[in-house]
Amino acid sequence: MAVLVSFHGNEESVMALKVALSCCELAGVSLEVLVASRRDFTDPKTESDALEVLWNELENVSVSFKVSNAPVGVSVAESVLDYAKENDIKLIVLGLRQGGSRVTDLGINASRIMLDAPCPVLTTTEYGLPEFL
């Protein structure tokens, strides 16, 4: 049993990682991180930048974890859904960018994951988990 987080190295995925780690601690399960390849060529960050951010965040965690790279040429949504189905994932945590309601666009990957996931999906923004959790 594990919690899965899709990680891109941006602020939203860092918060999702923190929330996922909290969930793992509460449930006593491991964390699985799927590092998604970047497809936005206007973004100067690379997959290695995302990995650098990820390793910094995981440096002192007590939760057991596994890091995998999403397959190249496969959409983020497809990668996450396939991974969740194949690896006994019990919860997927997604970091969402705030402001989506202004344009009523959640994002194609987030929408697909939330609607087609084989397990519950927990979403977060920059605010993370409430203090009582």
Protein backbone atom coordinates (compact mmCIF):
# COMPACT_ATOMS: atom_id res chain seq x y z
CA MET A 1 0.00 0.00 0.00
CA ALA A 2 1.25 3.45 -0.86
CA VAL A 3 0.43 7.07 -1.57
CA LEU A 4 1.37 8.39 -5.00
CA VAL A 5 2.32 11.97 -5.86
CA SER A 6 3.02 13.28 -9.34
CA PHE A 7 6.01 15.60 -9.07
CA HIS A 8 7.10 18.35 -11.46
CA GLY A 9 9.32 20.52 -9.27
CA ASN A 10 6.91 23.46 -9.14
CA GLU A 11 5.36 24.97 -5.99
CA GLU A 12 2.16 23.00 -6.42
CA SER A 13 3.93 19.66 -6.57
CA VAL A 14 6.16 20.55 -3.60
CA MET A 15 3.02 21.19 -1.53
CA ALA A 16 1.45 17.98 -2.84
CA LEU A 17 4.59 16.13 -1.76
CA LYS A 18 4.34 17.61 1.75
CA VAL A 19 0.67 16.64 1.98
CA ALA A 20 1.43 13.14 0.68
CA LEU A 21 4.18 12.73 3.27
CA SER A 22 1.75 13.76 6.02
CA CYS A 23 -0.80 11.25 4.75
CA CYS A 24 1.87 8.53 4.71
CA GLU A 25 2.84 9.31 8.30
CA LEU A 26 -0.79 9.26 9.44
CA ALA A 27 -1.58 5.99 7.65
CA GLY A 28 1.77 4.27 8.20
CA VAL A 29 2.28 3.62 4.48
CA SER A 30 5.06 4.36 2.01
CA LEU A 31 5.31 7.13 -0.56
CA GLU A 32 5.76 6.68 -4.29
CA VAL A 33 6.82 9.70 -6.35
CA LEU A 34 6.32 9.77 -10.09
CA VAL A 35 8.51 12.44 -11.66
CA ALA A 36 6.74 13.67 -14.77
CA SER A 37 8.78 14.81 -17.75
CA ARG A 38 8.37 18.43 -18.77
CA ARG A 39 6.71 19.20 -22.06
CA ASP A 40 6.39 22.98 -21.82
CA PHE A 41 9.34 24.29 -23.79
CA THR A 42 8.71 27.84 -22.50
CA ASP A 43 9.57 26.59 -19.01
CA PRO A 44 13.33 26.88 -18.47
CA LYS A 45 13.31 24.19 -15.77
CA THR A 46 14.21 20.64 -16.71
CA GLU A 47 13.50 17.22 -15.27
CA SER A 48 16.88 17.37 -13.52
CA ASP A 49 15.76 20.64 -11.88
CA ALA A 50 12.64 18.84 -10.63
CA LEU A 51 14.77 16.01 -9.27
CA GLU A 52 17.02 18.46 -7.45
CA VAL A 53 13.98 20.04 -5.77
CA LEU A 54 12.60 16.58 -4.97
CA TRP A 55 15.80 15.29 -3.33
CA ASN A 56 16.02 18.47 -1.26
CA GLU A 57 12.47 17.92 -0.02
CA LEU A 58 13.07 14.22 0.74
CA GLU A 59 16.39 14.75 2.47
CA ASN A 60 15.27 14.18 6.07
CA VAL A 61 11.95 12.35 5.78
CA SER A 62 11.21 9.33 7.93
CA VAL A 63 8.71 7.79 5.50
CA SER A 64 9.97 5.08 3.17
CA PHE A 65 9.73 6.19 -0.44
CA LYS A 66 10.38 5.18 -4.02
CA VAL A 67 11.05 7.60 -6.90
CA SER A 68 10.26 6.66 -10.50
CA ASN A 69 10.34 8.59 -13.76
CA ALA A 70 7.21 8.80 -15.87
CA PRO A 71 7.64 7.22 -19.29
CA VAL A 72 8.68 9.63 -22.03
CA GLY A 73 6.02 10.25 -24.64
CA VAL A 74 3.11 9.37 -22.33
CA SER A 75 0.82 12.03 -20.89
CA VAL A 76 1.09 12.88 -17.21
CA ALA A 77 -2.46 11.66 -16.64
CA GLU A 78 -1.86 8.35 -18.39
CA SER A 79 1.42 7.85 -16.49
CA VAL A 80 -0.21 8.49 -13.11
CA LEU A 81 -3.26 6.34 -13.84
CA ASP A 82 -1.20 3.42 -15.14
CA TYR A 83 1.20 3.64 -12.22
CA ALA A 84 -1.64 3.72 -9.69
CA LYS A 85 -3.30 0.66 -11.24
CA GLU A 86 -0.07 -1.34 -11.41
CA ASN A 87 1.36 -0.53 -7.96
CA ASP A 88 -1.36 -0.95 -5.29
CA ILE A 89 -1.74 2.81 -4.81
CA LYS A 90 -4.39 3.69 -2.21
CA LEU A 91 -4.33 7.50 -2.60
CA ILE A 92 -3.12 9.94 -5.26
CA VAL A 93 -2.17 13.47 -4.16
CA LEU A 94 -2.21 16.29 -6.72
CA GLY A 95 -1.08 19.86 -6.32
CA LEU A 96 -3.34 22.29 -8.15
CA ARG A 97 -2.51 25.81 -9.24
CA GLN A 98 -4.79 28.39 -7.68
CA GLY A 99 -6.87 30.61 -9.92
CA GLY A 100 -8.33 27.86 -12.08
CA SER A 101 -11.86 28.86 -11.13
CA ARG A 102 -11.44 32.20 -12.89
CA VAL A 103 -11.22 30.43 -16.20
CA THR A 104 -13.09 27.26 -15.16
CA ASP A 105 -10.19 25.15 -16.38
CA LEU A 106 -8.85 22.59 -13.97
CA GLY A 107 -6.33 21.24 -16.44
CA ILE A 108 -6.59 18.22 -18.67
CA ASN A 109 -4.23 16.04 -16.63
CA ALA A 110 -5.74 16.85 -13.23
CA SER A 111 -9.29 16.39 -14.57
CA ARG A 112 -8.50 13.03 -16.11
CA ILE A 113 -6.69 11.76 -13.03
CA MET A 114 -9.51 12.83 -10.70
CA LEU A 115 -12.21 11.27 -12.89
CA ASP A 116 -10.45 8.04 -13.89
CA ALA A 117 -8.32 7.18 -10.85
CA PRO A 118 -8.65 3.67 -9.38
CA CYS A 119 -8.44 5.16 -5.87
CA PRO A 120 -9.28 8.39 -4.03
CA VAL A 121 -7.55 11.58 -5.18
CA LEU A 122 -6.65 14.31 -2.71
CA THR A 123 -5.96 17.75 -4.14
CA THR A 124 -4.17 20.64 -2.49
CA THR A 125 -3.04 24.16 -3.28
CA GLU A 126 -0.27 26.20 -1.72
CA TYR A 127 -2.12 26.01 1.61
CA GLY A 128 -1.52 22.28 2.12
CA LEU A 129 -3.21 20.46 4.99
CA PRO A 130 -5.15 22.18 7.77
CA GLU A 131 -3.32 22.49 11.09
CA PHE A 132 -5.56 19.93 12.81
CA LEU A 133 -4.25 17.15 10.54
